[in-house]
C-alpha atoms as a PDB file:
ATOM      1  CA  MET A   1      39.754 -17.069  -9.971  1.00  0.00           C
ATOM      2  CA  PRO A   2      39.974 -13.369 -11.136  1.00  0.00           C
ATOM      3  CA  GLU A   3      41.372 -10.844  -8.916  1.00  0.00           C
ATOM      4  CA  ASP A   4      39.179  -8.361  -7.033  1.00  0.00           C
ATOM      5  CA  GLY A   5      39.795  -5.566  -9.459  1.00  0.00           C
ATOM      6  CA  ALA A   6      38.364  -7.981 -12.328  1.00  0.00           C
ATOM      7  CA  ILE A   7      35.388  -8.862 -10.292  1.00  0.00           C
ATOM      8  CA  ARG A   8      34.665  -5.245  -9.527  1.00  0.00           C
ATOM      9  CA  ARG A   9      34.886  -4.186 -13.054  1.00  0.00           C
ATOM     10  CA  GLY A  10      32.627  -7.107 -14.232  1.00  0.00           C
ATOM     11  CA  LEU A  11      30.112  -6.058 -11.633  1.00  0.00           C
ATOM     12  CA  ASN A  12      30.366  -2.433 -12.924  1.00  0.00           C
ATOM     13  CA  LEU A  13      29.513  -3.470 -16.364  1.00  0.00           C
ATOM     14  CA  ILE A  14      26.570  -5.403 -15.300  1.00  0.00           C
ATOM     15  CA  LEU A  15      25.258  -2.615 -13.141  1.00  0.00           C
ATOM     16  CA  LEU A  16      25.864  -0.166 -16.089  1.00  0.00           C
ATOM     17  CA  GLN A  17      23.692  -2.291 -18.339  1.00  0.00           C
ATOM     18  CA  HIS A  18      21.129  -2.848 -15.989  1.00  0.00           C
ATOM     19  CA  PRO A  19      20.922   0.256 -13.688  1.00  0.00           C
ATOM     20  CA  LYS A  20      17.858  -0.944 -11.725  1.00  0.00           C
ATOM     21  CA  LEU A  21      19.405  -4.207 -10.469  1.00  0.00           C
ATOM     22  CA  ILE A  22      20.491  -2.845  -7.117  1.00  0.00           C
ATOM     23  CA  ALA A  23      17.301  -1.150  -6.164  1.00  0.00           C
ATOM     24  CA  ALA A  24      15.395  -4.279  -6.960  1.00  0.00           C
ATOM     25  CA  ALA A  25      17.874  -6.443  -4.870  1.00  0.00           C
ATOM     26  CA  CYS A  26      17.499  -3.954  -2.253  1.00  0.00           C
ATOM     27  CA  ARG A  27      13.639  -4.119  -2.256  1.00  0.00           C
ATOM     28  CA  ALA A  28      14.052  -8.026  -2.271  1.00  0.00           C
ATOM     29  CA  VAL A  29      16.211  -8.073   0.758  1.00  0.00           C
ATOM     30  CA  MET A  30      14.364  -5.547   2.744  1.00  0.00           C
ATOM     31  CA  THR A  31      11.202  -7.503   2.341  1.00  0.00           C
ATOM     32  CA  GLU A  32      13.136 -10.694   3.970  1.00  0.00           C
ATOM     33  CA  VAL A  33      15.247  -8.949   6.624  1.00  0.00           C
ATOM     34  CA  VAL A  34      12.745  -6.511   8.067  1.00  0.00           C
ATOM     35  CA  GLU A  35      11.453  -7.517  11.583  1.00  0.00           C
ATOM     36  CA  VAL A  36       7.572  -7.460  11.692  1.00  0.00           C
ATOM     37  CA  VAL A  37       6.491  -6.234  15.094  1.00  0.00           C
ATOM     38  CA  ALA A  38       2.991  -5.878  16.655  1.00  0.00           C
ATOM     39  CA  ALA A  39       1.690  -2.302  16.532  1.00  0.00           C
ATOM     40  CA  GLU A  40      -0.252  -0.836  19.648  1.00  0.00           C
ATOM     41  CA  GLU A  41      -3.871  -1.172  19.673  1.00  0.00           C
ATOM     42  CA  ILE A  42      -5.915   1.469  17.790  1.00  0.00           C
ATOM     43  CA  PRO A  43      -7.491   4.075  19.943  1.00  0.00           C
ATOM     44  CA  GLU A  44     -10.843   3.106  21.123  1.00  0.00           C
ATOM     45  CA  ALA A  45     -12.514   6.160  19.828  1.00  0.00           C
ATOM     46  CA  VAL A  46     -11.846   8.906  17.343  1.00  0.00           C
ATOM     47  CA  TYR A  47     -12.507  12.813  18.497  1.00  0.00           C
ATOM     48  CA  ALA A  48     -13.268  15.867  16.584  1.00  0.00           C
ATOM     49  CA  PRO A  49     -14.401  19.355  17.537  1.00  0.00           C
ATOM     50  CA  THR A  50     -17.495  18.924  15.012  1.00  0.00           C
ATOM     51  CA  PRO A  51     -19.709  15.936  14.240  1.00  0.00           C
ATOM     52  CA  LEU A  52     -18.211  13.410  11.647  1.00  0.00           C
ATOM     53  CA  GLU A  53     -19.997  11.940   8.694  1.00  0.00           C
ATOM     54  CA  THR A  54     -21.102   8.504   9.242  1.00  0.00           C
ATOM     55  CA  SER A  55     -19.420   5.474   7.331  1.00  0.00           C
ATOM     56  CA  ARG A  56     -20.430   2.232   7.072  1.00  0.00           C
ATOM     57  CA  PHE A  57     -17.827  -0.372   7.699  1.00  0.00           C
ATOM     58  CA  ASN A  58     -15.444   2.109   9.244  1.00  0.00           C
ATOM     59  CA  ALA A  59     -13.830   0.796  12.483  1.00  0.00           C
ATOM     60  CA  TYR A  60     -15.412   3.815  14.273  1.00  0.00           C
ATOM     61  CA  GLY A  61     -18.553   4.294  12.337  1.00  0.00           C
ATOM     62  CA  VAL A  62     -17.334   7.775  10.838  1.00  0.00           C
ATOM     63  CA  LEU A  63     -14.959   9.391   8.335  1.00  0.00           C
ATOM     64  CA  PRO A  64     -11.698  10.293  10.409  1.00  0.00           C
ATOM     65  CA  PRO A  65     -11.007  14.065  10.552  1.00  0.00           C
ATOM     66  CA  ASP A  66      -7.484  13.508   9.018  1.00  0.00           C
ATOM     67  CA  MET A  67      -8.490  12.429   5.550  1.00  0.00           C
ATOM     68  CA  GLY A  68      -7.774  14.081   2.434  1.00  0.00           C
ATOM     69  CA  SER A  69     -10.449  14.256  -0.429  1.00  0.00           C
ATOM     70  CA  TRP A  70      -9.154  11.311  -2.425  1.00  0.00           C
ATOM     71  CA  GLU A  71      -9.073   9.283   0.679  1.00  0.00           C
ATOM     72  CA  ILE A  72     -12.754  10.312   1.620  1.00  0.00           C
ATOM     73  CA  ALA A  73     -13.911   9.544  -2.030  1.00  0.00           C
ATOM     74  CA  PHE A  74     -12.506   5.802  -1.626  1.00  0.00           C
ATOM     75  CA  ALA A  75     -14.133   5.482   1.873  1.00  0.00           C
ATOM     76  CA  ARG A  76     -17.545   6.521   0.346  1.00  0.00           C
ATOM     77  CA  TYR A  77     -16.696   3.959  -2.283  1.00  0.00           C
ATOM     78  CA  LEU A  78     -15.895   1.218   0.237  1.00  0.00           C
ATOM     79  CA  TYR A  79     -19.240   2.342   1.930  1.00  0.00           C
ATOM     80  CA  GLU A  80     -21.109   1.186  -1.307  1.00  0.00           C
ATOM     81  CA  ASP A  81     -19.682  -2.399  -1.136  1.00  0.00           C
ATOM     82  CA  ASP A  82     -22.787  -4.778  -1.798  1.00  0.00           C
ATOM     83  CA  THR A  83     -20.716  -7.824  -2.441  1.00  0.00           C
ATOM     84  CA  GLY A  84     -20.096  -8.952   1.057  1.00  0.00           C
ATOM     85  CA  THR A  85     -16.436  -8.417   0.661  1.00  0.00           C
ATOM     86  CA  VAL A  86     -15.679  -5.534   3.157  1.00  0.00           C
ATOM     87  CA  ALA A  87     -15.917  -6.384   6.726  1.00  0.00           C
ATOM     88  CA  TRP A  88     -14.327  -3.108   7.995  1.00  0.00           C
ATOM     89  CA  TRP A  89     -11.768  -0.365   7.209  1.00  0.00           C
ATOM     90  CA  HIS A  90      -9.655   1.586   9.143  1.00  0.00           C
ATOM     91  CA  ARG A  91      -7.646   4.820   8.291  1.00  0.00           C
ATOM     92  CA  ASN A  92      -3.912   3.867   8.710  1.00  0.00           C
ATOM     93  CA  PRO A  93      -2.315   7.525   9.730  1.00  0.00           C
ATOM     94  CA  ASP A  94       1.212   8.163   9.199  1.00  0.00           C
ATOM     95  CA  ARG A  95       3.817   7.395  12.052  1.00  0.00           C
ATOM     96  CA  LYS A  96       1.359   6.554  14.690  1.00  0.00           C
ATOM     97  CA  PRO A  97       2.187   3.653  17.148  1.00  0.00           C
ATOM     98  CA  TRP A  98      -0.706   1.788  15.871  1.00  0.00           C
ATOM     99  CA  SER A  99       0.070   2.460  12.241  1.00  0.00           C
ATOM    100  CA  VAL A 100       1.144  -0.263   9.643  1.00  0.00           C
ATOM    101  CA  ALA A 101       4.243   0.585   7.861  1.00  0.00           C
ATOM    102  CA  ILE A 102       5.842  -0.952   4.664  1.00  0.00           C
ATOM    103  CA  VAL A 103       9.685  -0.526   4.680  1.00  0.00           C
ATOM    104  CA  LYS A 104      10.752   0.324   1.166  1.00  0.00           C
ATOM    105  CA  GLY A 105      14.018  -0.665  -0.434  1.00  0.00           C
ATOM    106  CA  ASP A 106      15.617   2.375   0.509  1.00  0.00           C
ATOM    107  CA  GLY A 107      14.989   1.638   4.106  1.00  0.00           C
ATOM    108  CA  HIS A 108      12.465   4.451   4.706  1.00  0.00           C
ATOM    109  CA  ARG A 109       8.835   3.616   5.565  1.00  0.00           C
ATOM    110  CA  TYR A 110       5.572   4.362   4.051  1.00  0.00           C
ATOM    111  CA  PHE A 111       1.990   3.966   5.595  1.00  0.00           C
ATOM    112  CA  PRO A 112      -0.793   2.756   3.111  1.00  0.00           C
ATOM    113  CA  ASP A 113      -3.875   4.824   3.559  1.00  0.00           C
ATOM    114  CA  PHE A 114      -6.296   1.995   4.580  1.00  0.00           C
ATOM    115  CA  ILE A 115      -6.258  -1.161   6.261  1.00  0.00           C
ATOM    116  CA  VAL A 116      -9.278  -3.069   5.060  1.00  0.00           C
ATOM    117  CA  GLY A 117     -10.536  -6.250   6.845  1.00  0.00           C
ATOM    118  CA  LEU A 118     -12.419  -8.820   4.525  1.00  0.00           C
ATOM    119  CA  ASN A 119     -15.270 -11.132   5.286  1.00  0.00           C
ATOM    120  CA  GLY A 120     -14.214 -14.765   5.105  1.00  0.00           C
ATOM    121  CA  PRO A 121     -12.190 -17.237   7.175  1.00  0.00           C
ATOM    122  CA  THR A 122     -11.088 -16.473  11.071  1.00  0.00           C
ATOM    123  CA  PRO A 123      -9.421 -14.315  11.464  1.00  0.00           C
ATOM    124  CA  PRO A 124     -10.357 -12.383   8.374  1.00  0.00           C
ATOM    125  CA  PRO A 125      -7.706 -11.404   5.907  1.00  0.00           C
ATOM    126  CA  LEU A 126      -6.277  -7.986   5.797  1.00  0.00           C
ATOM    127  CA  ARG A 127      -5.402  -5.707   2.787  1.00  0.00           C
ATOM    128  CA  LEU A 128      -3.598  -2.479   2.822  1.00  0.00           C
ATOM    129  CA  VAL A 129      -4.728   0.011   0.165  1.00  0.00           C
ATOM    130  CA  GLU A 130      -2.993   3.292  -0.998  1.00  0.00           C
ATOM    131  CA  VAL A 131      -4.810   6.033  -2.561  1.00  0.00           C
ATOM    132  CA  LYS A 132      -2.906   8.187  -5.139  1.00  0.00           C
ATOM    133  CA  GLU A 133      -4.044  11.192  -7.240  1.00  0.00           C
ATOM    134  CA  ARG A 134      -0.636  11.214  -8.902  1.00  0.00           C
ATOM    135  CA  ILE A 135       0.777   7.783  -9.937  1.00  0.00           C
ATOM    136  CA  GLY A 136       3.613   8.690 -11.733  1.00  0.00           C
ATOM    137  CA  ASP A 137       5.785  10.113  -8.973  1.00  0.00           C
ATOM    138  CA  GLU A 138       8.823   8.221  -8.508  1.00  0.00           C
ATOM    139  CA  ARG A 139       8.275   7.759  -4.721  1.00  0.00           C
ATOM    140  CA  ASN A 140       4.812   6.274  -5.594  1.00  0.00           C
ATOM    141  CA  GLU A 141       6.645   3.854  -8.093  1.00  0.00           C
ATOM    142  CA  VAL A 142       9.077   2.741  -5.169  1.00  0.00           C
ATOM    143  CA  ALA A 143       6.012   2.369  -2.914  1.00  0.00           C
ATOM    144  CA  ASN A 144       3.920   0.202  -5.400  1.00  0.00           C
ATOM    145  CA  ARG A 145       6.902  -2.238  -5.844  1.00  0.00           C
ATOM    146  CA  SER A 146       7.342  -2.682  -1.977  1.00  0.00           C
ATOM    147  CA  ARG A 147       5.880  -5.565  -0.043  1.00  0.00           C
ATOM    148  CA  HIS A 148       4.937  -6.047   3.856  1.00  0.00           C
ATOM    149  CA  ARG A 149       6.267  -9.335   5.135  1.00  0.00           C
ATOM    150  CA  SER A 150       2.925 -10.320   6.559  1.00  0.00           C
ATOM    151  CA  TYR A 151       0.330  -8.484   4.295  1.00  0.00           C
ATOM    152  CA  GLY A 152       1.921  -8.289   0.934  1.00  0.00           C
ATOM    153  CA  SER A 153       1.926  -5.280  -1.254  1.00  0.00           C
ATOM    154  CA  ALA A 154      -0.485  -2.524  -0.733  1.00  0.00           C
ATOM    155  CA  LEU A 155      -3.183  -2.261  -3.519  1.00  0.00           C
ATOM    156  CA  MET A 156      -2.630   0.973  -4.929  1.00  0.00           C
ATOM    157  CA  VAL A 157      -5.664   2.741  -6.510  1.00  0.00           C
ATOM    158  CA  SER A 158      -6.552   6.090  -8.394  1.00  0.00           C
ATOM    159  CA  LYS A 159      -9.686   7.600  -9.492  1.00  0.00           C
ATOM    160  CA  VAL A 160     -10.250   8.276 -13.126  1.00  0.00           C
ATOM    161  CA  GLN A 161     -13.480  10.289 -13.729  1.00  0.00           C
ATOM    162  CA  ASP A 162     -15.918   8.457 -11.749  1.00  0.00           C
ATOM    163  CA  ARG A 163     -14.192   4.942 -11.519  1.00  0.00           C
ATOM    164  CA  TRP A 164     -11.553   3.664  -9.556  1.00  0.00           C
ATOM    165  CA  SER A 165      -8.824   1.950 -11.135  1.00  0.00           C
ATOM    166  CA  VAL A 166      -5.907  -0.292 -10.092  1.00  0.00           C
ATOM    167  CA  VAL A 167      -2.204   1.119 -10.491  1.00  0.00           C
ATOM    168  CA  ARG A 168       0.562  -1.226 -11.276  1.00  0.00           C
ATOM    169  CA  PHE A 169       4.143  -0.846 -11.720  1.00  0.00           C
ATOM    170  CA  ILE A 170       5.200  -2.012 -15.157  1.00  0.00           C
ATOM    171  CA  GLU A 171       8.466  -3.340 -15.303  1.00  0.00           C
ATOM    172  CA  GLY A 172       8.982  -3.197 -19.111  1.00  0.00           C
ATOM    173  CA  VAL A 173       7.872   0.560 -19.044  1.00  0.00           C
ATOM    174  CA  GLY A 174       9.418   1.400 -15.615  1.00  0.00           C
ATOM    175  CA  ARG A 175       6.722   3.190 -14.239  1.00  0.00           C
ATOM    176  CA  ASN A 176       3.086   3.076 -12.694  1.00  0.00           C
ATOM    177  CA  GLN A 177       0.172   2.739 -15.099  1.00  0.00           C
ATOM    178  CA  LEU A 178      -3.588   2.436 -14.673  1.00  0.00           C
ATOM    179  CA  ASP A 179      -4.357  -1.223 -15.128  1.00  0.00           C
ATOM    180  CA  ARG A 180      -7.940  -2.157 -14.790  1.00  0.00           C
ATOM    181  CA  ASP A 181     -11.211  -1.273 -13.020  1.00  0.00           C
ATOM    182  CA  PHE A 182     -11.083  -1.620  -9.359  1.00  0.00           C
ATOM    183  CA  ASP A 183     -13.749  -3.877  -7.788  1.00  0.00           C
ATOM    184  CA  TYR A 184     -14.363  -5.142  -4.186  1.00  0.00           C
ATOM    185  CA  LYS A 185     -13.700  -8.712  -5.147  1.00  0.00           C
ATOM    186  CA  LEU A 186     -10.012  -8.006  -6.154  1.00  0.00           C
ATOM    187  CA  LEU A 187      -9.334  -7.227  -2.569  1.00  0.00           C
ATOM    188  CA  LYS A 188      -9.653 -10.973  -1.755  1.00  0.00           C
ATOM    189  CA  SER A 189      -7.096 -12.179  -4.486  1.00  0.00           C
ATOM    190  CA  TRP A 190      -4.577  -9.275  -3.937  1.00  0.00           C
ATOM    191  CA  VAL A 191      -1.157 -10.501  -2.588  1.00  0.00           C
END
């Protein structure tokens, strides 16, 4: 049996040759050990000082006031679903007692922008969706590789001209890239 120093040296050599190995191991462990707890119920209504734009499928029937321009654009895209896929959607705000969070490999949480309920079996499956303007940011790459223990990974999308595209982390390249056009039915097969 090699001595501790030889084992440590061997591990260091492996990590030098594969520097992302620790981060990948941390992500895998976090997915397995993070405790999933029930969040509080969402508020019964959303309030704003001015009238809000109506929105088909939104849990409140309106576009919530705390949304950015890209999130509003995606919500309007959900509004157009004519495939029967989207049953409802909810804006998932950061750090609220009712928000869904995904714990990343570094232990920090992130809050995907949308929770989307799908038509189908009872209870309907839920999908988490993250809308990104800048896909190459390292934090977005870490988020794109993280998984929720119950809901799986968030589907990351970005808008290119007038079309929404799926953003995938490509291991061989080591960064996020646009993958394919997003369509509503993809929500049903995403894991």
